Amino acid sequence: MSKTVEQKDHELPRLIGFREVRRLCGLSRATVWRMERAGIFPRRRQLSASKVAWMLSEILRWIEDRQPVLSESKPENSPPESKPIRKPSWLDRDDD
C-alpha cells in the first residue's frame, strides 16, 4: 500500500542523533560543530538539557547540495604539489 500525497504531508519530521549524522555524512563531531558555527551545515535542535538532534530532511538536503568532485580539479584547501626529492650535491662529490 503506497502513501498518498495527503498522508506524506502529515508525517512528522524525523530527528536523528549524531551517530546517524556521522553515518550519513562521514564527518567528525568537531567538523560538524565548526561547520554549524560557520553556517554551512544544518543546525542541531536542543531536545533536552543533554540531548540534541538534527532534522533528517535538512541533513539529506545538505548532502544532495554537495557538488561532485571532479578528478581534474584540485580542492581549494589542497596542499601544494610536492617537488621531486633531489639528492644532495655533496653526495655526488668524489673526494679521491
Protein backbone atom coordinates (compact mmCIF):
# COMPACT_ATOMS: atom_id res chain seq x y z
CA MET A 1 0.00 0.00 0.00
CA SER A 2 1.58 3.27 -1.11
CA LYS A 3 1.13 6.50 0.77
CA THR A 4 -0.89 9.27 -0.80
CA VAL A 5 0.35 12.85 -1.00
CA GLU A 6 -2.04 13.82 1.80
CA GLN A 7 -0.55 11.17 4.10
CA LYS A 8 3.00 12.31 3.33
CA ASP A 9 2.11 15.93 4.16
CA HIS A 10 1.04 14.87 7.65
CA GLU A 11 4.18 12.89 8.53
CA LEU A 12 6.16 14.20 11.44
CA PRO A 13 9.71 15.36 10.79
CA ARG A 14 12.31 12.77 11.71
CA LEU A 15 15.07 13.74 14.14
CA ILE A 16 18.41 11.91 14.15
CA GLY A 17 21.30 11.84 16.60
CA PHE A 18 24.97 12.41 15.93
CA ARG A 19 25.74 8.75 15.21
CA GLU A 20 23.30 8.83 12.30
CA VAL A 21 24.64 12.21 11.12
CA ARG A 22 28.17 10.75 11.15
CA ARG A 23 26.99 7.63 9.30
CA LEU A 24 25.29 9.72 6.61
CA CYS A 25 27.93 12.45 6.22
CA GLY A 26 31.19 10.88 7.37
CA LEU A 27 32.10 13.98 9.38
CA SER A 28 33.57 14.09 12.87
CA ARG A 29 31.79 15.75 15.78
CA ALA A 30 34.28 18.63 15.74
CA THR A 31 33.86 19.20 11.99
CA VAL A 32 30.07 19.23 12.30
CA TRP A 33 30.32 21.73 15.16
CA ARG A 34 32.69 24.02 13.20
CA MET A 35 30.53 23.85 10.09
CA GLU A 36 27.39 24.62 12.10
CA ARG A 37 29.10 27.66 13.64
CA ALA A 38 30.14 28.82 10.16
CA GLY A 39 26.56 28.43 8.89
CA ILE A 40 27.44 25.77 6.28
CA PHE A 41 25.83 22.76 7.99
CA PRO A 42 22.28 22.29 9.32
CA ARG A 43 21.84 23.43 12.93
CA ARG A 44 21.12 20.93 15.69
CA ARG A 45 17.96 21.13 17.79
CA GLN A 46 18.17 21.12 21.58
CA LEU A 47 15.72 18.44 22.75
CA SER A 48 16.62 18.46 26.43
CA ALA A 49 19.44 19.61 28.68
CA SER A 50 21.70 16.83 27.41
CA LYS A 51 20.20 15.73 24.08
CA VAL A 52 20.46 17.27 20.61
CA ALA A 53 19.29 16.06 17.22
CA TRP A 54 19.24 17.13 13.58
CA MET A 55 16.37 17.14 11.11
CA LEU A 56 16.90 14.22 8.74
CA SER A 57 15.39 16.19 5.85
CA GLU A 58 17.91 19.04 6.37
CA ILE A 59 20.85 16.62 6.50
CA LEU A 60 19.71 14.83 3.33
CA ARG A 61 19.22 18.17 1.56
CA TRP A 62 22.74 19.25 2.64
CA ILE A 63 24.17 16.01 1.21
CA GLU A 64 22.30 16.49 -2.08
CA ASP A 65 23.60 20.07 -2.34
CA ARG A 66 27.26 18.97 -2.22
CA GLN A 67 29.00 19.30 -5.56
CA PRO A 68 30.60 16.19 -7.03
CA VAL A 69 34.39 16.20 -7.01
CA LEU A 70 35.87 16.46 -10.48
CA SER A 71 39.01 14.41 -10.97
CA GLU A 72 40.65 17.23 -12.96
CA SER A 73 40.28 19.96 -10.34
CA LYS A 74 42.07 20.29 -7.02
CA PRO A 75 40.13 21.16 -3.86
CA GLU A 76 40.64 24.74 -2.67
CA ASN A 77 42.43 23.70 0.52
CA SER A 78 44.64 21.03 -1.03
CA PRO A 79 48.36 21.17 -0.23
CA PRO A 80 50.69 22.49 -2.93
CA GLU A 81 52.10 19.94 -5.33
CA SER A 82 55.27 18.40 -3.97
CA LYS A 83 58.56 18.84 -5.79
CA PRO A 84 60.69 15.82 -6.61
CA ILE A 85 63.25 15.00 -3.96
CA ARG A 86 66.76 15.81 -5.11
CA LYS A 87 69.86 14.07 -3.93
CA PRO A 88 72.14 16.49 -2.03
CA SER A 89 75.03 17.72 -4.17
CA TRP A 90 77.62 16.66 -1.61
CA LEU A 91 76.72 13.03 -2.35
CA ASP A 92 77.93 13.45 -5.93
CA ARG A 93 81.43 14.66 -4.98
CA ASP A 94 84.38 12.43 -5.49
CA ASP A 95 86.91 13.02 -2.73
CA ASP A 96 89.53 10.76 -4.36
